[in-house]
Amino acid sequence: MEIIKVSNLHTAFGDNIVHNDISFSVNEGEIFGVLGGSGSGKSVLVKQIVMLNQIQKGKIEIFNKDISKLKIDDLETLKLNFSYLFQFGALYSFLNVIENISVMLKEYTNLPNDLIEKIAYTNLDIVGLPKHTAKLYPSELSGGMKKRVALARSLAMQPKLLFLDEPTSGLDPASTQSINELLLYLKKSLNITTVIITHDLETIKTVLDRFIIIKKQIIFDGNIEEAMKSKDKFIQDFLTHKKAD
């Protein structure tokens, strides 16, 4: 089942064409990657899907609903079905860990505070953080811990769709592996459809079910095994982290 369907998307900023007739779909339950070189429009594309950036031309459907034709109330209801995890976590520095995780629940539900706290602690456990970290502030956390807290917060509303922008960016190899294992665990245990912007080769190889590579147009759509067999020099250079022009 298609959860996201992008059709004939065209995006330009002045004379700079970022997306030229892009079409692809994301299936239910898969971990889908959006890949491309610097300035290829990966973040712009995902922000259009999550309605942070306006669609210039083309169509984006989420759960079979054309997001450009929905009324404001319907858009707000739709947004409650997904979470967006920014590259650097975007935790509130003045709130401790458990308060950060609870923010969305307090803002968008009428649940009693004791239940919100229980849900927050459950999510803290899901992302593999010990209970004593609950009262720490972001300034007291490592980069990997911040990513986990942000992920716990993004899971609080039980989203059907999860969007992650460079979830392993800035992490050491051990932390990167740990986050990748967590993403696979979440897929298996919660069956969340996940869209990831990434350039990390280990994430591409071990986590993604399928991915697209963007260079104004989609130059590849498939899995890692298919990509490694490609004769396209750009794709091969991209996957080996050589300079791809």
Protein backbone atom coordinates (compact mmCIF):
# COMPACT_ATOMS: atom_id res chain seq x y z
CA MET A 1 0.00 0.00 0.00
CA GLU A 2 1.32 3.44 -0.96
CA ILE A 3 1.51 5.80 2.02
CA ILE A 4 3.13 8.68 0.10
CA LYS A 5 2.84 9.36 -3.61
CA VAL A 6 4.72 12.22 -5.27
CA SER A 7 3.74 13.02 -8.85
CA ASN A 8 5.48 15.33 -11.35
CA LEU A 9 6.98 17.58 -8.70
CA HIS A 10 8.77 20.66 -10.01
CA THR A 11 10.60 23.11 -7.77
CA ALA A 12 12.71 26.11 -8.76
CA PHE A 13 14.24 29.06 -6.94
CA GLY A 14 14.73 31.76 -9.55
CA ASP A 15 16.64 30.16 -12.42
CA ASN A 16 17.83 27.29 -10.24
CA ILE A 17 15.78 24.17 -10.93
CA VAL A 18 15.88 21.93 -7.86
CA HIS A 19 13.32 19.27 -8.81
CA ASN A 20 12.50 18.54 -12.42
CA ASP A 21 9.41 16.33 -12.78
CA ILE A 22 10.03 14.05 -9.78
CA SER A 23 7.70 11.10 -9.18
CA PHE A 24 8.00 8.27 -6.63
CA SER A 25 6.06 6.49 -3.90
CA VAL A 26 6.71 5.22 -0.37
CA ASN A 27 5.09 1.98 0.73
CA GLU A 28 3.58 1.15 4.09
CA GLY A 29 6.02 -0.18 6.66
CA GLU A 30 9.22 0.44 4.73
CA ILE A 31 12.26 2.52 5.62
CA PHE A 32 12.70 4.76 2.59
CA GLY A 33 15.73 6.91 1.86
CA VAL A 34 16.02 10.26 0.11
CA LEU A 35 19.61 10.57 -1.13
CA GLY A 36 21.53 13.06 -3.23
CA GLY A 37 24.51 15.35 -3.30
CA SER A 38 24.75 18.70 -1.56
CA GLY A 39 22.13 21.10 -2.92
CA SER A 40 20.13 18.35 -4.61
CA GLY A 41 16.92 19.36 -2.85
CA LYS A 42 16.56 16.45 -0.42
CA SER A 43 15.47 18.59 2.52
CA VAL A 44 13.29 20.79 0.32
CA LEU A 45 11.50 17.69 -0.95
CA VAL A 46 10.82 16.25 2.49
CA LYS A 47 9.72 19.64 3.83
CA GLN A 48 7.23 19.84 0.96
CA ILE A 49 5.88 16.42 1.93
CA VAL A 50 5.47 17.44 5.58
CA MET A 51 3.97 20.78 4.51
CA LEU A 52 6.76 23.01 5.80
CA ASN A 53 7.53 24.18 2.24
CA GLN A 54 4.96 25.00 -0.42
CA ILE A 55 4.50 22.82 -3.49
CA GLN A 56 5.16 24.88 -6.62
CA LYS A 57 4.02 22.39 -9.25
CA GLY A 58 2.96 18.76 -9.07
CA LYS A 59 1.06 16.70 -6.52
CA ILE A 60 1.83 15.05 -3.20
CA GLU A 61 -0.59 12.54 -1.68
CA ILE A 62 -0.39 11.19 1.86
CA PHE A 63 -2.75 8.37 2.80
CA ASN A 64 -4.40 8.93 -0.62
CA LYS A 65 -5.15 12.59 0.19
CA ASP A 66 -3.90 15.40 -2.06
CA ILE A 67 -2.34 17.72 0.53
CA SER A 68 -2.67 20.80 -1.69
CA LYS A 69 -6.46 20.42 -1.78
CA LEU A 70 -7.13 19.82 1.92
CA LYS A 71 -8.77 22.40 4.14
CA ILE A 72 -6.76 23.75 7.07
CA ASP A 73 -8.58 21.62 9.66
CA ASP A 74 -8.05 18.49 7.59
CA LEU A 75 -4.36 19.35 7.13
CA GLU A 76 -3.90 19.74 10.88
CA THR A 77 -5.57 16.37 11.47
CA LEU A 78 -3.33 14.76 8.85
CA LYS A 79 -0.20 16.26 10.42
CA LEU A 80 -0.98 14.45 13.67
CA ASN A 81 -0.26 11.19 11.83
CA PHE A 82 3.42 11.96 11.30
CA SER A 83 6.47 13.32 13.09
CA TYR A 84 9.50 15.15 11.73
CA LEU A 85 12.88 14.78 13.39
CA PHE A 86 15.19 17.67 12.55
CA GLN A 87 18.88 17.04 11.88
CA PHE A 88 20.11 18.42 15.20
CA GLY A 89 17.20 17.21 17.31
CA ALA A 90 15.80 20.68 18.08
CA LEU A 91 15.32 19.90 21.77
CA TYR A 92 14.12 22.68 24.04
CA SER A 93 17.18 23.67 26.08
CA PHE A 94 15.08 24.92 29.01
CA LEU A 95 13.20 21.61 29.39
CA ASN A 96 14.63 18.38 30.76
CA VAL A 97 14.46 15.10 28.85
CA ILE A 98 11.09 13.89 30.10
CA GLU A 99 9.56 17.36 29.60
CA ASN A 100 10.88 17.46 26.02
CA ILE A 101 9.31 14.08 25.28
CA SER A 102 6.01 15.24 26.82
CA VAL A 103 5.67 18.49 24.85
CA MET A 104 3.52 17.18 21.99
CA LEU A 105 1.24 15.21 24.29
CA LYS A 106 0.60 18.26 26.45
CA GLU A 107 -0.07 20.46 23.44
CA TYR A 108 -2.26 18.16 21.34
CA THR A 109 -4.05 15.87 23.81
CA ASN A 110 -6.22 16.19 26.88
CA LEU A 111 -4.53 13.31 28.69
CA PRO A 112 -3.90 13.71 32.42
CA ASN A 113 -0.35 14.62 33.41
CA ASP A 114 0.36 11.32 35.15
CA LEU A 115 -0.53 9.37 31.98
CA ILE A 116 1.55 11.72 29.82
CA GLU A 117 4.51 11.09 32.11
CA LYS A 118 4.02 7.30 31.87
CA ILE A 119 3.93 7.51 28.05
CA ALA A 120 7.06 9.68 28.07
CA TYR A 121 8.94 7.21 30.25
CA THR A 122 7.79 4.34 28.01
CA ASN A 123 9.20 6.14 24.97
CA LEU A 124 12.41 6.86 26.86
CA ASP A 125 12.74 3.10 27.39
CA ILE A 126 11.86 2.33 23.74
CA VAL A 127 14.78 4.42 22.47
CA GLY A 128 17.15 2.73 24.93
CA LEU A 129 17.80 5.51 27.44
CA PRO A 130 17.97 4.69 31.16
CA LYS A 131 15.42 6.16 33.54
CA HIS A 132 17.93 8.42 35.30
CA THR A 133 18.40 10.48 32.11
CA ALA A 134 14.81 11.77 32.42
CA LYS A 135 15.80 14.75 34.56
CA LEU A 136 18.87 15.74 32.54
CA TYR A 137 18.87 18.80 30.29
CA PRO A 138 20.01 18.81 26.63
CA SER A 139 23.30 20.49 27.57
CA GLU A 140 24.10 17.43 29.70
CA LEU A 141 23.55 14.92 26.89
CA SER A 142 25.90 13.49 24.28
CA GLY A 143 25.07 13.85 20.60
CA GLY A 144 23.75 10.30 20.41
CA MET A 145 21.59 10.78 23.48
CA LYS A 146 20.11 13.98 22.04
CA LYS A 147 19.15 12.06 18.89
CA ARG A 148 17.46 9.38 21.01
CA VAL A 149 15.51 11.93 23.06
CA ALA A 150 14.36 13.68 19.88
CA LEU A 151 13.30 10.31 18.51
CA ALA A 152 11.43 9.49 21.72
CA ARG A 153 9.60 12.83 21.43
CA SER A 154 8.72 12.11 17.80
CA LEU A 155 7.17 8.77 18.83
CA ALA A 156 5.02 10.28 21.59
CA MET A 157 1.96 10.79 19.37
CA GLN A 158 2.24 7.26 17.94
CA PRO A 159 2.79 8.48 14.37
CA LYS A 160 2.11 6.33 11.33
CA LEU A 161 4.83 8.22 9.44
CA LEU A 162 8.24 9.26 10.69
CA PHE A 163 10.57 11.66 8.86
CA LEU A 164 14.23 11.80 9.87
CA ASP A 165 16.73 14.38 8.60
CA GLU A 166 20.29 12.97 8.82
CA PRO A 167 19.64 10.95 12.03
CA THR A 168 23.29 9.87 12.33
CA SER A 169 24.92 13.17 11.32
CA GLY A 170 27.77 14.16 13.64
CA LEU A 171 27.82 10.84 15.49
CA ASP A 172 30.79 8.54 16.00
CA PRO A 173 30.68 5.06 14.36
CA ALA A 174 29.48 3.31 17.51
CA SER A 175 26.63 5.80 18.04
CA THR A 176 25.74 5.60 14.34
CA GLN A 177 25.46 1.82 14.55
CA SER A 178 23.36 2.12 17.69
CA ILE A 179 20.92 4.56 16.04
CA ASN A 180 20.69 2.34 12.94
CA GLU A 181 19.88 -0.68 15.11
CA LEU A 182 17.23 1.38 16.90
CA LEU A 183 15.59 2.35 13.58
CA LEU A 184 15.41 -1.31 12.56
CA TYR A 185 13.94 -2.18 15.96
CA LEU A 186 11.26 0.51 15.60
CA LYS A 187 10.31 -0.83 12.19
CA LYS A 188 9.98 -4.36 13.53
CA SER A 189 8.19 -3.48 16.76
CA LEU A 190 6.00 -0.51 15.73
CA ASN A 191 5.72 -0.94 11.93
CA ILE A 192 6.20 2.79 11.37
CA THR A 193 6.73 3.93 7.80
CA THR A 194 9.96 5.92 7.88
CA VAL A 195 11.48 8.40 5.42
CA ILE A 196 15.15 9.21 6.00
CA ILE A 197 17.37 11.88 4.48
CA THR A 198 20.88 10.49 4.76
CA HIS A 199 24.31 10.32 3.19
CA ASP A 200 25.67 7.79 5.69
CA LEU A 201 26.80 4.70 3.79
CA GLU A 202 26.19 2.29 6.68
CA THR A 203 22.62 3.55 7.05
CA ILE A 204 22.09 3.18 3.30
CA LYS A 205 23.44 -0.38 3.31
CA THR A 206 21.94 -1.75 6.52
CA VAL A 207 18.74 0.19 7.24
CA LEU A 208 17.03 1.36 4.05
CA ASP A 209 14.61 -0.97 2.31
CA ARG A 210 14.58 1.25 -0.75
CA PHE A 211 15.79 4.71 -1.73
CA ILE A 212 15.86 7.35 -4.42
CA ILE A 213 18.88 9.36 -5.53
CA ILE A 214 18.07 12.88 -6.69
CA LYS A 215 20.02 14.99 -9.16
CA LYS A 216 17.26 17.41 -10.22
CA GLN A 217 15.51 14.30 -11.48
CA ILE A 218 15.38 10.86 -9.89
CA ILE A 219 18.36 8.98 -11.28
CA PHE A 220 17.77 5.87 -9.18
CA ASP A 221 14.86 4.21 -7.39
CA GLY A 222 15.48 0.82 -5.81
CA ASN A 223 17.42 -1.05 -3.13
CA ILE A 224 21.12 -1.22 -2.31
CA GLU A 225 21.68 -4.46 -4.24
CA GLU A 226 20.23 -2.92 -7.39
CA ALA A 227 22.21 0.29 -6.89
CA MET A 228 25.52 -1.54 -6.50
CA LYS A 229 24.90 -3.27 -9.84
CA SER A 230 24.26 0.03 -11.63
CA LYS A 231 26.73 1.08 -14.33
CA ASP A 232 25.94 4.76 -13.76
CA LYS A 233 29.14 6.54 -12.66
CA PHE A 234 27.31 9.11 -10.53
CA ILE A 235 25.53 6.37 -8.58
CA GLN A 236 28.72 4.38 -8.06
CA ASP A 237 30.68 7.48 -7.01
CA PHE A 238 27.87 8.49 -4.65
CA LEU A 239 27.75 5.07 -2.98
CA THR A 240 31.53 4.96 -2.54
CA HIS A 241 31.63 8.56 -1.28
CA LYS A 242 33.76 9.73 -4.18
CA LYS A 243 33.11 13.21 -5.52
CA ALA A 244 30.02 12.96 -7.74
CA ASP A 245 29.37 15.96 -10.00
